[in-house]
Amino acid sequence: MKLRPLGNTHLSVTPLGLGLAALGRPGYINLGHSADLGHDYDVAAMAAHAHAVLDAAWAAGIRYFDAARSYGRAEEFLGSWLRARGIAPEAVTVGSKWGYTYTAGWQVTADKHEVKDHSLPVLRRQTVESLAHLDRHLKLYQIHSATFDSGVLDNGDVLAELARLRDEGLVIGLSLSGPNQGDVLRRTLDIDVGGAPLFRAVQATWNLLAQEAGPALAEAHARGMGIIVKEALANGRLTDRNTAPEFAASRRLLRQAAEDGGIAVDTLALAAVLAQPWVGVVLSGAARVEHLASNAAAVAVATERTAWLAEWLPRLNALVEPAESYWQQRAALAWN
């Protein structure tokens, strides 16, 4: 994979990155996640499993890795892997996020797996924690799921602290969630602190089912922001694991396109995201080596089979769901 700039930041990324949401904790909402970990939740076993997937990602050419404070031990696993493999900070780009605290106690079932708090004390505490695990490898620090409701974009003390981190060398970004991602993103485009834009990268959901954020992401890209796409496989709904009866018609269309191209359904879904001209890096959420390999095949499809992909993309627009419906279904996914 070829390195390319992430917007107008000084960071370089590969088209595909690896997100550690499904690797750093026993429970997650991806379809079939429980089978991915082999039901072995011993911390040492999970660390070894995460390292094996990270090794495969590195071998595939991936050079962007994404974690968060709420992803259980994801930062710990990533940091220990970077040190064990002797990977220099300048050889890789690492992003992480603050604003949620992991509360599941290393259990698959819990009343709450994470608690959201975008206050200044949480930012300061979690910055120290993130740097303790990732040190100089940490390049991008993002507000985790910024929303209007949390008030974080109007909190002058938090914005000033983020500006201080920016001035000390971190690129500041934010991740988004929910049907009004585009509105929140547009609000951030004009936030300047200290005479300079504060947010230089955004991580948002966009996939074959959920495309409402596309126009705002294109606008942000035109303004120089780096665009990171998460949940490109819709938490497993855009894979063969989605056997829901109500998805039957969409599943037939996906399989028809994938079979026509001689590729897997997940490869097709990721290639469709990679084909968007405003995309900087698309995250794989793979929790197994074989899934990562299938995900990584999407890069070649998006770069070498552009005519075939361009023929199918308009037809695949039939898969798009109303934003409210998509996010309601996501909220109903079970932790497993």
C-alpha atoms as a PDB file:
ATOM      1  CA  MET A   1       0.000   0.000   0.000  1.00  0.00           C
ATOM      2  CA  LYS A   2       1.255   3.437  -0.870  1.00  0.00           C
ATOM      3  CA  LEU A   3       1.457   6.134   1.782  1.00  0.00           C
ATOM      4  CA  ARG A   4      -0.523   9.299   1.163  1.00  0.00           C
ATOM      5  CA  PRO A   5      -1.139  12.514   3.116  1.00  0.00           C
ATOM      6  CA  LEU A   6      -4.053  12.697   5.528  1.00  0.00           C
ATOM      7  CA  GLY A   7      -5.602  15.954   4.369  1.00  0.00           C
ATOM      8  CA  ASN A   8      -3.463  18.991   5.109  1.00  0.00           C
ATOM      9  CA  THR A   9      -2.005  17.452   8.242  1.00  0.00           C
ATOM     10  CA  HIS A  10       1.636  16.397   8.359  1.00  0.00           C
ATOM     11  CA  LEU A  11       0.527  12.785   8.801  1.00  0.00           C
ATOM     12  CA  SER A  12       0.897   9.993   6.256  1.00  0.00           C
ATOM     13  CA  VAL A  13      -1.521   7.062   6.076  1.00  0.00           C
ATOM     14  CA  THR A  14      -2.211   4.001   3.991  1.00  0.00           C
ATOM     15  CA  PRO A  15      -5.594   3.652   2.241  1.00  0.00           C
ATOM     16  CA  LEU A  16      -6.546   0.929   4.719  1.00  0.00           C
ATOM     17  CA  GLY A  17      -6.006   1.190   8.458  1.00  0.00           C
ATOM     18  CA  LEU A  18      -6.737  -1.134  11.350  1.00  0.00           C
ATOM     19  CA  GLY A  19      -9.112  -0.160  14.146  1.00  0.00           C
ATOM     20  CA  LEU A  20      -8.800  -2.031  17.426  1.00  0.00           C
ATOM     21  CA  ALA A  21     -12.375  -1.728  18.744  1.00  0.00           C
ATOM     22  CA  ALA A  22     -12.902  -5.491  18.391  1.00  0.00           C
ATOM     23  CA  LEU A  23      -9.418  -6.495  19.559  1.00  0.00           C
ATOM     24  CA  GLY A  24      -9.006  -4.690  22.856  1.00  0.00           C
ATOM     25  CA  ARG A  25     -11.964  -5.990  24.903  1.00  0.00           C
ATOM     26  CA  PRO A  26     -13.968  -9.222  25.216  1.00  0.00           C
ATOM     27  CA  GLY A  27     -17.311  -7.765  24.139  1.00  0.00           C
ATOM     28  CA  TYR A  28     -18.203  -5.747  21.051  1.00  0.00           C
ATOM     29  CA  ILE A  29     -21.226  -5.210  18.781  1.00  0.00           C
ATOM     30  CA  ASN A  30     -19.806  -6.656  15.535  1.00  0.00           C
ATOM     31  CA  LEU A  31     -21.857  -9.603  14.300  1.00  0.00           C
ATOM     32  CA  GLY A  32     -20.165 -12.841  15.342  1.00  0.00           C
ATOM     33  CA  HIS A  33     -17.525 -11.127  17.461  1.00  0.00           C
ATOM     34  CA  SER A  34     -17.621 -13.839  20.125  1.00  0.00           C
ATOM     35  CA  ALA A  35     -16.394 -16.467  17.670  1.00  0.00           C
ATOM     36  CA  ASP A  36     -13.555 -14.218  16.503  1.00  0.00           C
ATOM     37  CA  LEU A  37     -11.881 -14.367  19.916  1.00  0.00           C
ATOM     38  CA  GLY A  38     -12.396 -18.094  20.390  1.00  0.00           C
ATOM     39  CA  HIS A  39     -14.171 -17.382  23.689  1.00  0.00           C
ATOM     40  CA  ASP A  40     -10.734 -17.020  25.343  1.00  0.00           C
ATOM     41  CA  TYR A  41     -10.750 -13.771  27.290  1.00  0.00           C
ATOM     42  CA  ASP A  42      -7.560 -14.253  29.291  1.00  0.00           C
ATOM     43  CA  VAL A  43      -5.694 -10.955  29.047  1.00  0.00           C
ATOM     44  CA  ALA A  44      -2.440 -12.562  27.904  1.00  0.00           C
ATOM     45  CA  ALA A  45      -4.277 -14.637  25.298  1.00  0.00           C
ATOM     46  CA  MET A  46      -6.102 -11.595  23.969  1.00  0.00           C
ATOM     47  CA  ALA A  47      -2.864  -9.616  23.835  1.00  0.00           C
ATOM     48  CA  ALA A  48      -1.240 -12.394  21.796  1.00  0.00           C
ATOM     49  CA  HIS A  49      -4.294 -12.548  19.527  1.00  0.00           C
ATOM     50  CA  ALA A  50      -4.202  -8.775  18.974  1.00  0.00           C
ATOM     51  CA  HIS A  51      -0.467  -8.915  18.233  1.00  0.00           C
ATOM     52  CA  ALA A  52      -1.042 -11.632  15.619  1.00  0.00           C
ATOM     53  CA  VAL A  53      -3.632  -9.485  13.819  1.00  0.00           C
ATOM     54  CA  LEU A  54      -1.361  -6.447  14.078  1.00  0.00           C
ATOM     55  CA  ASP A  55       1.499  -8.504  12.595  1.00  0.00           C
ATOM     56  CA  ALA A  56      -0.726  -9.466   9.672  1.00  0.00           C
ATOM     57  CA  ALA A  57      -1.748  -5.840   9.179  1.00  0.00           C
ATOM     58  CA  TRP A  58       1.863  -4.725   9.120  1.00  0.00           C
ATOM     59  CA  ALA A  59       2.765  -7.479   6.640  1.00  0.00           C
ATOM     60  CA  ALA A  60      -0.122  -6.337   4.421  1.00  0.00           C
ATOM     61  CA  GLY A  61       1.343  -2.843   4.349  1.00  0.00           C
ATOM     62  CA  ILE A  62      -1.028  -1.126   6.781  1.00  0.00           C
ATOM     63  CA  ARG A  63       0.589   1.848   8.507  1.00  0.00           C
ATOM     64  CA  TYR A  64      -2.351   3.518  10.248  1.00  0.00           C
ATOM     65  CA  PHE A  65      -3.697   2.113  13.522  1.00  0.00           C
ATOM     66  CA  ASP A  66      -6.633   3.449  15.522  1.00  0.00           C
ATOM     67  CA  ALA A  67      -7.541   2.912  19.172  1.00  0.00           C
ATOM     68  CA  ALA A  68      -9.486   4.622  21.970  1.00  0.00           C
ATOM     69  CA  ARG A  69      -9.479   4.806  25.739  1.00  0.00           C
ATOM     70  CA  SER A  70     -12.793   2.926  25.820  1.00  0.00           C
ATOM     71  CA  TYR A  71     -11.575  -0.020  23.745  1.00  0.00           C
ATOM     72  CA  GLY A  72     -10.595  -1.975  26.846  1.00  0.00           C
ATOM     73  CA  ARG A  73      -6.853  -2.653  26.637  1.00  0.00           C
ATOM     74  CA  ALA A  74      -6.499  -1.671  22.962  1.00  0.00           C
ATOM     75  CA  GLU A  75      -3.955   1.088  23.603  1.00  0.00           C
ATOM     76  CA  GLU A  76      -2.008  -1.239  25.892  1.00  0.00           C
ATOM     77  CA  PHE A  77      -1.980  -4.040  23.297  1.00  0.00           C
ATOM     78  CA  LEU A  78      -1.026  -1.660  20.491  1.00  0.00           C
ATOM     79  CA  GLY A  79       1.715   0.009  22.515  1.00  0.00           C
ATOM     80  CA  SER A  80       3.249  -3.285  23.621  1.00  0.00           C
ATOM     81  CA  TRP A  81       3.206  -4.520  20.010  1.00  0.00           C
ATOM     82  CA  LEU A  82       4.921  -1.370  18.722  1.00  0.00           C
ATOM     83  CA  ARG A  83       7.651  -1.733  21.332  1.00  0.00           C
ATOM     84  CA  ALA A  84       8.058  -5.487  20.880  1.00  0.00           C
ATOM     85  CA  ARG A  85       8.451  -5.121  17.108  1.00  0.00           C
ATOM     86  CA  GLY A  86      10.788  -2.130  17.396  1.00  0.00           C
ATOM     87  CA  ILE A  87       8.583   0.055  15.174  1.00  0.00           C
ATOM     88  CA  ALA A  88       9.828   3.632  15.253  1.00  0.00           C
ATOM     89  CA  PRO A  89       7.334   6.479  15.734  1.00  0.00           C
ATOM     90  CA  GLU A  90       8.182   7.921  12.336  1.00  0.00           C
ATOM     91  CA  ALA A  91       7.362   4.591  10.621  1.00  0.00           C
ATOM     92  CA  VAL A  92       3.694   4.527  11.572  1.00  0.00           C
ATOM     93  CA  THR A  93       0.727   6.793  12.265  1.00  0.00           C
ATOM     94  CA  VAL A  94      -1.312   6.044  15.374  1.00  0.00           C
ATOM     95  CA  GLY A  95      -4.581   7.698  16.335  1.00  0.00           C
ATOM     96  CA  SER A  96      -6.565   7.351  19.522  1.00  0.00           C
ATOM     97  CA  LYS A  97      -9.646   8.890  21.098  1.00  0.00           C
ATOM     98  CA  TRP A  98     -10.755  10.301  24.428  1.00  0.00           C
ATOM     99  CA  GLY A  99     -14.185  10.903  25.930  1.00  0.00           C
ATOM    100  CA  TYR A 100     -15.478   7.425  26.776  1.00  0.00           C
ATOM    101  CA  THR A 101     -14.351   5.362  29.767  1.00  0.00           C
ATOM    102  CA  TYR A 102     -14.393   1.562  29.575  1.00  0.00           C
ATOM    103  CA  THR A 103     -16.629   0.199  32.339  1.00  0.00           C
ATOM    104  CA  ALA A 104     -17.349  -3.450  31.437  1.00  0.00           C
ATOM    105  CA  GLY A 105     -14.762  -4.881  33.827  1.00  0.00           C
ATOM    106  CA  TRP A 106     -13.450  -7.288  31.172  1.00  0.00           C
ATOM    107  CA  GLN A 107     -16.876  -8.923  30.892  1.00  0.00           C
ATOM    108  CA  VAL A 108     -18.771  -9.720  27.699  1.00  0.00           C
ATOM    109  CA  THR A 109     -22.076  -8.867  29.323  1.00  0.00           C
ATOM    110  CA  ALA A 110     -22.265  -5.699  31.397  1.00  0.00           C
ATOM    111  CA  ASP A 111     -24.849  -3.095  32.287  1.00  0.00           C
ATOM    112  CA  LYS A 112     -22.670  -0.479  30.587  1.00  0.00           C
ATOM    113  CA  HIS A 113     -19.608  -1.134  28.480  1.00  0.00           C
ATOM    114  CA  GLU A 114     -18.539   2.508  28.294  1.00  0.00           C
ATOM    115  CA  VAL A 115     -19.546   5.837  29.777  1.00  0.00           C
ATOM    116  CA  LYS A 116     -19.358   9.089  27.814  1.00  0.00           C
ATOM    117  CA  ASP A 117     -17.913  12.205  29.453  1.00  0.00           C
ATOM    118  CA  HIS A 118     -16.422  15.049  27.416  1.00  0.00           C
ATOM    119  CA  SER A 119     -15.350  17.154  30.391  1.00  0.00           C
ATOM    120  CA  LEU A 120     -11.960  18.777  30.902  1.00  0.00           C
ATOM    121  CA  PRO A 121     -10.934  16.453  33.779  1.00  0.00           C
ATOM    122  CA  VAL A 122     -11.606  13.399  31.604  1.00  0.00           C
ATOM    123  CA  LEU A 123      -9.618  14.873  28.720  1.00  0.00           C
ATOM    124  CA  ARG A 124      -6.643  15.565  30.973  1.00  0.00           C
ATOM    125  CA  ARG A 125      -6.780  12.150  32.636  1.00  0.00           C
ATOM    126  CA  GLN A 126      -7.183  10.206  29.433  1.00  0.00           C
ATOM    127  CA  THR A 127      -4.466  12.141  27.609  1.00  0.00           C
ATOM    128  CA  VAL A 128      -2.010  11.030  30.284  1.00  0.00           C
ATOM    129  CA  GLU A 129      -3.259   7.448  29.996  1.00  0.00           C
ATOM    130  CA  SER A 130      -3.055   7.390  26.188  1.00  0.00           C
ATOM    131  CA  LEU A 131       0.473   8.799  26.169  1.00  0.00           C
ATOM    132  CA  ALA A 132       1.561   6.300  28.831  1.00  0.00           C
ATOM    133  CA  HIS A 133       0.671   3.456  26.459  1.00  0.00           C
ATOM    134  CA  LEU A 134       1.524   5.002  23.090  1.00  0.00           C
ATOM    135  CA  ASP A 135       4.118   7.669  23.906  1.00  0.00           C
ATOM    136  CA  ARG A 136       5.635   9.286  20.796  1.00  0.00           C
ATOM    137  CA  HIS A 137       3.757   6.935  18.477  1.00  0.00           C
ATOM    138  CA  LEU A 138       0.540   8.846  19.192  1.00  0.00           C
ATOM    139  CA  LYS A 139       0.069  11.400  16.421  1.00  0.00           C
ATOM    140  CA  LEU A 140      -3.708  11.986  16.207  1.00  0.00           C
ATOM    141  CA  TYR A 141      -5.954  12.563  19.226  1.00  0.00           C
ATOM    142  CA  GLN A 142      -9.694  12.666  18.606  1.00  0.00           C
ATOM    143  CA  ILE A 143     -12.823  13.520  20.548  1.00  0.00           C
ATOM    144  CA  HIS A 144     -14.703  10.225  20.707  1.00  0.00           C
ATOM    145  CA  SER A 145     -18.179  10.600  19.165  1.00  0.00           C
ATOM    146  CA  ALA A 146     -18.564  14.357  19.371  1.00  0.00           C
ATOM    147  CA  THR A 147     -22.220  15.402  19.425  1.00  0.00           C
ATOM    148  CA  PHE A 148     -24.184  18.543  20.042  1.00  0.00           C
ATOM    149  CA  ASP A 149     -25.738  16.955  23.128  1.00  0.00           C
ATOM    150  CA  SER A 150     -22.424  16.538  24.965  1.00  0.00           C
ATOM    151  CA  GLY A 151     -21.645  20.257  24.615  1.00  0.00           C
ATOM    152  CA  VAL A 152     -18.001  19.538  23.897  1.00  0.00           C
ATOM    153  CA  LEU A 153     -17.831  21.845  20.865  1.00  0.00           C
ATOM    154  CA  ASP A 154     -18.945  24.773  23.034  1.00  0.00           C
ATOM    155  CA  ASN A 155     -16.717  24.009  26.019  1.00  0.00           C
ATOM    156  CA  GLY A 156     -14.052  26.716  25.916  1.00  0.00           C
ATOM    157  CA  ASP A 157     -11.852  25.015  28.521  1.00  0.00           C
ATOM    158  CA  VAL A 158     -11.797  21.734  26.579  1.00  0.00           C
ATOM    159  CA  LEU A 159     -11.115  23.494  23.269  1.00  0.00           C
ATOM    160  CA  ALA A 160      -8.263  25.438  24.863  1.00  0.00           C
ATOM    161  CA  GLU A 161      -6.732  22.231  26.240  1.00  0.00           C
ATOM    162  CA  LEU A 162      -7.008  20.575  22.820  1.00  0.00           C
ATOM    163  CA  ALA A 163      -5.318  23.627  21.291  1.00  0.00           C
ATOM    164  CA  ARG A 164      -2.493  23.247  23.806  1.00  0.00           C
ATOM    165  CA  LEU A 165      -2.050  19.608  22.752  1.00  0.00           C
ATOM    166  CA  ARG A 166      -2.111  20.756  19.115  1.00  0.00           C
ATOM    167  CA  ASP A 167       0.592  23.309  19.796  1.00  0.00           C
ATOM    168  CA  GLU A 168       2.698  20.585  21.452  1.00  0.00           C
ATOM    169  CA  GLY A 169       2.551  18.487  18.268  1.00  0.00           C
ATOM    170  CA  LEU A 170      -0.596  16.346  18.284  1.00  0.00           C
ATOM    171  CA  VAL A 171      -3.038  16.564  15.388  1.00  0.00           C
ATOM    172  CA  ILE A 172      -6.512  17.124  16.848  1.00  0.00           C
ATOM    173  CA  GLY A 173      -9.526  15.419  15.333  1.00  0.00           C
ATOM    174  CA  LEU A 174     -12.924  14.059  16.248  1.00  0.00           C
ATOM    175  CA  SER A 175     -15.049  11.027  15.552  1.00  0.00           C
ATOM    176  CA  LEU A 176     -18.761  11.211  14.796  1.00  0.00           C
ATOM    177  CA  SER A 177     -21.769   8.986  15.221  1.00  0.00           C
ATOM    178  CA  GLY A 178     -25.488   9.165  14.577  1.00  0.00           C
ATOM    179  CA  PRO A 179     -27.745  10.492  11.828  1.00  0.00           C
ATOM    180  CA  ASN A 180     -26.589  14.118  12.204  1.00  0.00           C
ATOM    181  CA  GLN A 181     -22.888  13.478  11.623  1.00  0.00           C
ATOM    182  CA  GLY A 182     -22.845  16.022   8.797  1.00  0.00           C
ATOM    183  CA  ASP A 183     -24.302  18.826  10.905  1.00  0.00           C
ATOM    184  CA  VAL A 184     -21.779  18.257  13.686  1.00  0.00           C
ATOM    185  CA  LEU A 185     -18.912  18.126  11.203  1.00  0.00           C
ATOM    186  CA  ARG A 186     -19.916  21.406   9.561  1.00  0.00           C
ATOM    187  CA  ARG A 187     -20.014  23.025  13.006  1.00  0.00           C
ATOM    188  CA  THR A 188     -16.355  22.085  13.555  1.00  0.00           C
ATOM    189  CA  LEU A 189     -15.069  23.497  10.266  1.00  0.00           C
ATOM    190  CA  ASP A 190     -15.043  27.047  11.568  1.00  0.00           C
ATOM    191  CA  ILE A 191     -13.703  26.412  15.065  1.00  0.00           C
ATOM    192  CA  ASP A 192     -10.436  28.322  15.333  1.00  0.00           C
ATOM    193  CA  VAL A 193      -8.383  28.557  18.527  1.00  0.00           C
ATOM    194  CA  GLY A 194      -5.297  30.699  18.725  1.00  0.00           C
ATOM    195  CA  GLY A 195      -5.731  31.883  15.169  1.00  0.00           C
ATOM    196  CA  ALA A 196      -5.639  28.413  13.624  1.00  0.00           C
ATOM    197  CA  PRO A 197      -8.189  25.675  12.872  1.00  0.00           C
ATOM    198  CA  LEU A 198      -8.451  23.239  15.771  1.00  0.00           C
ATOM    199  CA  PHE A 199      -9.773  20.126  14.061  1.00  0.00           C
ATOM    200  CA  ARG A 200      -7.698  18.769  11.198  1.00  0.00           C
ATOM    201  CA  ALA A 201      -9.142  15.245  10.862  1.00  0.00           C
ATOM    202  CA  VAL A 202     -12.519  13.596  11.220  1.00  0.00           C
ATOM    203  CA  GLN A 203     -13.545   9.958  11.617  1.00  0.00           C
ATOM    204  CA  ALA A 204     -17.093   9.212  10.492  1.00  0.00           C
ATOM    205  CA  THR A 205     -19.358   6.351   9.458  1.00  0.00           C
ATOM    206  CA  TRP A 206     -19.965   5.903   5.734  1.00  0.00           C
ATOM    207  CA  ASN A 207     -20.793   2.653   4.017  1.00  0.00           C
ATOM    208  CA  LEU A 208     -23.119   1.110   1.444  1.00  0.00           C
ATOM    209  CA  LEU A 209     -26.004   1.337   3.920  1.00  0.00           C
ATOM    210  CA  ALA A 210     -25.292   4.708   5.565  1.00  0.00           C
ATOM    211  CA  GLN A 211     -24.264   7.586   3.299  1.00  0.00           C
ATOM    212  CA  GLU A 212     -25.861  10.663   4.854  1.00  0.00           C
ATOM    213  CA  ALA A 213     -22.483  12.075   5.945  1.00  0.00           C
ATOM    214  CA  GLY A 214     -21.039  12.002   2.412  1.00  0.00           C
ATOM    215  CA  PRO A 215     -21.672  15.631   1.370  1.00  0.00           C
ATOM    216  CA  ALA A 216     -20.237  17.011   4.627  1.00  0.00           C
ATOM    217  CA  LEU A 217     -17.206  14.734   4.366  1.00  0.00           C
ATOM    218  CA  ALA A 218     -16.577  15.930   0.811  1.00  0.00           C
ATOM    219  CA  GLU A 219     -16.836  19.527   2.032  1.00  0.00           C
ATOM    220  CA  ALA A 220     -14.424  18.870   4.905  1.00  0.00           C
ATOM    221  CA  HIS A 221     -11.989  17.193   2.513  1.00  0.00           C
ATOM    222  CA  ALA A 222     -12.122  20.263   0.254  1.00  0.00           C
ATOM    223  CA  ARG A 223     -11.264  22.358   3.312  1.00  0.00           C
ATOM    224  CA  GLY A 224      -8.142  20.266   3.937  1.00  0.00           C
ATOM    225  CA  MET A 225      -9.375  17.952   6.687  1.00  0.00           C
ATOM    226  CA  GLY A 226      -8.171  14.368   6.727  1.00  0.00           C
ATOM    227  CA  ILE A 227     -11.069  11.913   6.348  1.00  0.00           C
ATOM    228  CA  ILE A 228     -11.082   8.583   8.185  1.00  0.00           C
ATOM    229  CA  VAL A 229     -13.999   6.232   7.556  1.00  0.00           C
ATOM    230  CA  LYS A 230     -15.080   3.818  10.279  1.00  0.00           C
ATOM    231  CA  GLU A 231     -17.686   1.049  10.272  1.00  0.00           C
ATOM    232  CA  ALA A 232     -17.277   0.512   6.540  1.00  0.00           C
ATOM    233  CA  LEU A 233     -18.778  -2.951   6.999  1.00  0.00           C
ATOM    234  CA  ALA A 234     -21.622  -1.654   9.190  1.00  0.00           C
ATOM    235  CA  ASN A 235     -20.490  -3.720  12.188  1.00  0.00           C
ATOM    236  CA  GLY A 236     -20.696  -6.910  10.145  1.00  0.00           C
ATOM    237  CA  ARG A 237     -24.034  -6.216   8.475  1.00  0.00           C
ATOM    238  CA  LEU A 238     -22.159  -5.939   5.149  1.00  0.00           C
ATOM    239  CA  THR A 239     -20.606  -9.393   5.445  1.00  0.00           C
ATOM    240  CA  ASP A 240     -21.797 -12.953   4.979  1.00  0.00           C
ATOM    241  CA  ARG A 241     -22.541 -13.039   8.717  1.00  0.00           C
ATOM    242  CA  ASN A 242     -25.662 -10.975   8.189  1.00  0.00           C
ATOM    243  CA  THR A 243     -28.356 -13.605   7.757  1.00  0.00           C
ATOM    244  CA  ALA A 244     -31.261 -11.437   8.954  1.00  0.00           C
ATOM    245  CA  PRO A 245     -34.413 -12.282   6.929  1.00  0.00           C
ATOM    246  CA  GLU A 246     -35.218  -8.600   6.424  1.00  0.00           C
ATOM    247  CA  PHE A 247     -31.808  -8.144   4.740  1.00  0.00           C
ATOM    248  CA  ALA A 248     -32.449 -10.871   2.146  1.00  0.00           C
ATOM    249  CA  ALA A 249     -32.946  -8.596  -0.867  1.00  0.00           C
ATOM    250  CA  SER A 250     -29.901  -6.502  -0.026  1.00  0.00           C
ATOM    251  CA  ARG A 251     -27.868  -9.649   0.571  1.00  0.00           C
ATOM    252  CA  ARG A 252     -28.783 -10.969  -2.885  1.00  0.00           C
ATOM    253  CA  LEU A 253     -27.611  -7.750  -4.536  1.00  0.00           C
ATOM    254  CA  LEU A 254     -24.355  -7.744  -2.579  1.00  0.00           C
ATOM    255  CA  ARG A 255     -23.634 -11.355  -3.476  1.00  0.00           C
ATOM    256  CA  GLN A 256     -24.494 -10.783  -7.129  1.00  0.00           C
ATOM    257  CA  ALA A 257     -21.983  -7.945  -7.328  1.00  0.00           C
ATOM    258  CA  ALA A 258     -19.327  -9.810  -5.357  1.00  0.00           C
ATOM    259  CA  GLU A 259     -19.699 -12.963  -7.451  1.00  0.00           C
ATOM    260  CA  ASP A 260     -19.513 -10.914 -10.639  1.00  0.00           C
ATOM    261  CA  GLY A 261     -16.181  -9.563  -9.464  1.00  0.00           C
ATOM    262  CA  GLY A 262     -14.929 -12.834  -8.032  1.00  0.00           C
ATOM    263  CA  ILE A 263     -14.420 -11.254  -4.623  1.00  0.00           C
ATOM    264  CA  ALA A 264     -15.845 -11.555  -1.126  1.00  0.00           C
ATOM    265  CA  VAL A 265     -18.749  -9.421   0.053  1.00  0.00           C
ATOM    266  CA  ASP A 266     -16.591  -7.611   2.628  1.00  0.00           C
ATOM    267  CA  THR A 267     -13.968  -6.875  -0.026  1.00  0.00           C
ATOM    268  CA  LEU A 268     -16.641  -5.340  -2.227  1.00  0.00           C
ATOM    269  CA  ALA A 269     -18.074  -3.204   0.598  1.00  0.00           C
ATOM    270  CA  LEU A 270     -14.669  -1.826   1.553  1.00  0.00           C
ATOM    271  CA  ALA A 271     -13.710  -1.178  -2.071  1.00  0.00           C
ATOM    272  CA  ALA A 272     -16.873   0.904  -2.468  1.00  0.00           C
ATOM    273  CA  VAL A 273     -15.734   3.148   0.378  1.00  0.00           C
ATOM    274  CA  LEU A 274     -12.154   3.339  -0.862  1.00  0.00           C
ATOM    275  CA  ALA A 275     -13.488   4.519  -4.237  1.00  0.00           C
ATOM    276  CA  GLN A 276     -14.851   7.740  -2.739  1.00  0.00           C
ATOM    277  CA  PRO A 277     -12.571  10.631  -3.798  1.00  0.00           C
ATOM    278  CA  TRP A 278     -12.629  12.311  -0.382  1.00  0.00           C
ATOM    279  CA  VAL A 279     -11.452   9.292   1.611  1.00  0.00           C
ATOM    280  CA  GLY A 280      -8.068   9.423   3.321  1.00  0.00           C
ATOM    281  CA  VAL A 281      -8.050   6.080   5.137  1.00  0.00           C
ATOM    282  CA  VAL A 282     -10.700   3.412   5.677  1.00  0.00           C
ATOM    283  CA  LEU A 283     -10.578   1.344   8.853  1.00  0.00           C
ATOM    284  CA  SER A 284     -10.761  -2.417   8.883  1.00  0.00           C
ATOM    285  CA  GLY A 285     -12.266  -3.654  12.123  1.00  0.00           C
ATOM    286  CA  ALA A 286     -11.026  -7.204  11.584  1.00  0.00           C
ATOM    287  CA  ALA A 287     -10.496  -9.351  14.660  1.00  0.00           C
ATOM    288  CA  ARG A 288      -9.042 -12.337  12.781  1.00  0.00           C
ATOM    289  CA  VAL A 289      -6.099 -12.628  10.399  1.00  0.00           C
ATOM    290  CA  GLU A 290      -8.158 -14.190   7.600  1.00  0.00           C
ATOM    291  CA  HIS A 291     -10.733 -11.411   7.793  1.00  0.00           C
ATOM    292  CA  LEU A 292      -7.990  -8.811   7.620  1.00  0.00           C
ATOM    293  CA  ALA A 293      -6.619 -10.429   4.458  1.00  0.00           C
ATOM    294  CA  SER A 294     -10.052 -10.326   2.830  1.00  0.00           C
ATOM    295  CA  ASN A 295     -10.451  -6.687   3.865  1.00  0.00           C
ATOM    296  CA  ALA A 296      -7.011  -5.753   2.532  1.00  0.00           C
ATOM    297  CA  ALA A 297      -7.872  -7.161  -0.905  1.00  0.00           C
ATOM    298  CA  ALA A 298     -10.228  -4.189  -1.314  1.00  0.00           C
ATOM    299  CA  VAL A 299      -7.308  -1.822  -1.919  1.00  0.00           C
ATOM    300  CA  ALA A 300      -6.368  -3.561  -5.170  1.00  0.00           C
ATOM    301  CA  VAL A 301     -10.011  -3.677  -6.272  1.00  0.00           C
ATOM    302  CA  ALA A 302     -10.433   0.063  -5.681  1.00  0.00           C
ATOM    303  CA  THR A 303      -7.216   1.007  -7.475  1.00  0.00           C
ATOM    304  CA  GLU A 304      -6.940  -1.566 -10.257  1.00  0.00           C
ATOM    305  CA  ARG A 305     -10.563  -2.345 -11.165  1.00  0.00           C
ATOM    306  CA  THR A 306     -12.005   1.144 -11.254  1.00  0.00           C
ATOM    307  CA  ALA A 307     -14.150   0.605 -14.356  1.00  0.00           C
ATOM    308  CA  TRP A 308     -15.788  -2.522 -12.930  1.00  0.00           C
ATOM    309  CA  LEU A 309     -16.400  -0.811  -9.608  1.00  0.00           C
ATOM    310  CA  ALA A 310     -17.803   2.319 -11.276  1.00  0.00           C
ATOM    311  CA  GLU A 311     -20.293   0.130 -13.141  1.00  0.00           C
ATOM    312  CA  TRP A 312     -21.587  -1.459  -9.935  1.00  0.00           C
ATOM    313  CA  LEU A 313     -21.598   1.502  -7.529  1.00  0.00           C
ATOM    314  CA  PRO A 314     -24.793   3.158  -8.895  1.00  0.00           C
ATOM    315  CA  ARG A 315     -26.621  -0.160  -8.626  1.00  0.00           C
ATOM    316  CA  LEU A 316     -25.384  -0.652  -5.062  1.00  0.00           C
ATOM    317  CA  ASN A 317     -26.984   2.654  -4.082  1.00  0.00           C
ATOM    318  CA  ALA A 318     -30.181   0.642  -3.775  1.00  0.00           C
ATOM    319  CA  LEU A 319     -28.770  -0.635  -0.474  1.00  0.00           C
ATOM    320  CA  VAL A 320     -28.842   2.778   1.232  1.00  0.00           C
ATOM    321  CA  GLU A 321     -31.096   2.881   4.274  1.00  0.00           C
ATOM    322  CA  PRO A 322     -32.797   5.943   5.796  1.00  0.00           C
ATOM    323  CA  ALA A 323     -30.406   7.445   8.332  1.00  0.00           C
ATOM    324  CA  GLU A 324     -32.721   7.112  11.310  1.00  0.00           C
ATOM    325  CA  SER A 325     -33.432   3.461  10.455  1.00  0.00           C
ATOM    326  CA  TYR A 326     -29.740   2.642  10.049  1.00  0.00           C
ATOM    327  CA  TRP A 327     -28.768   4.142  13.401  1.00  0.00           C
ATOM    328  CA  GLN A 328     -31.690   2.498  15.179  1.00  0.00           C
ATOM    329  CA  GLN A 329     -30.520  -0.880  13.899  1.00  0.00           C
ATOM    330  CA  ARG A 330     -26.968  -0.148  14.966  1.00  0.00           C
ATOM    331  CA  ALA A 331     -28.145   0.779  18.460  1.00  0.00           C
ATOM    332  CA  ALA A 332     -29.983  -2.556  18.667  1.00  0.00           C
ATOM    333  CA  LEU A 333     -26.883  -4.674  17.913  1.00  0.00           C
ATOM    334  CA  ALA A 334     -26.030  -6.963  20.807  1.00  0.00           C
ATOM    335  CA  TRP A 335     -22.705  -6.875  22.621  1.00  0.00           C
ATOM    336  CA  ASN A 336     -21.191 -10.317  22.127  1.00  0.00           C
END
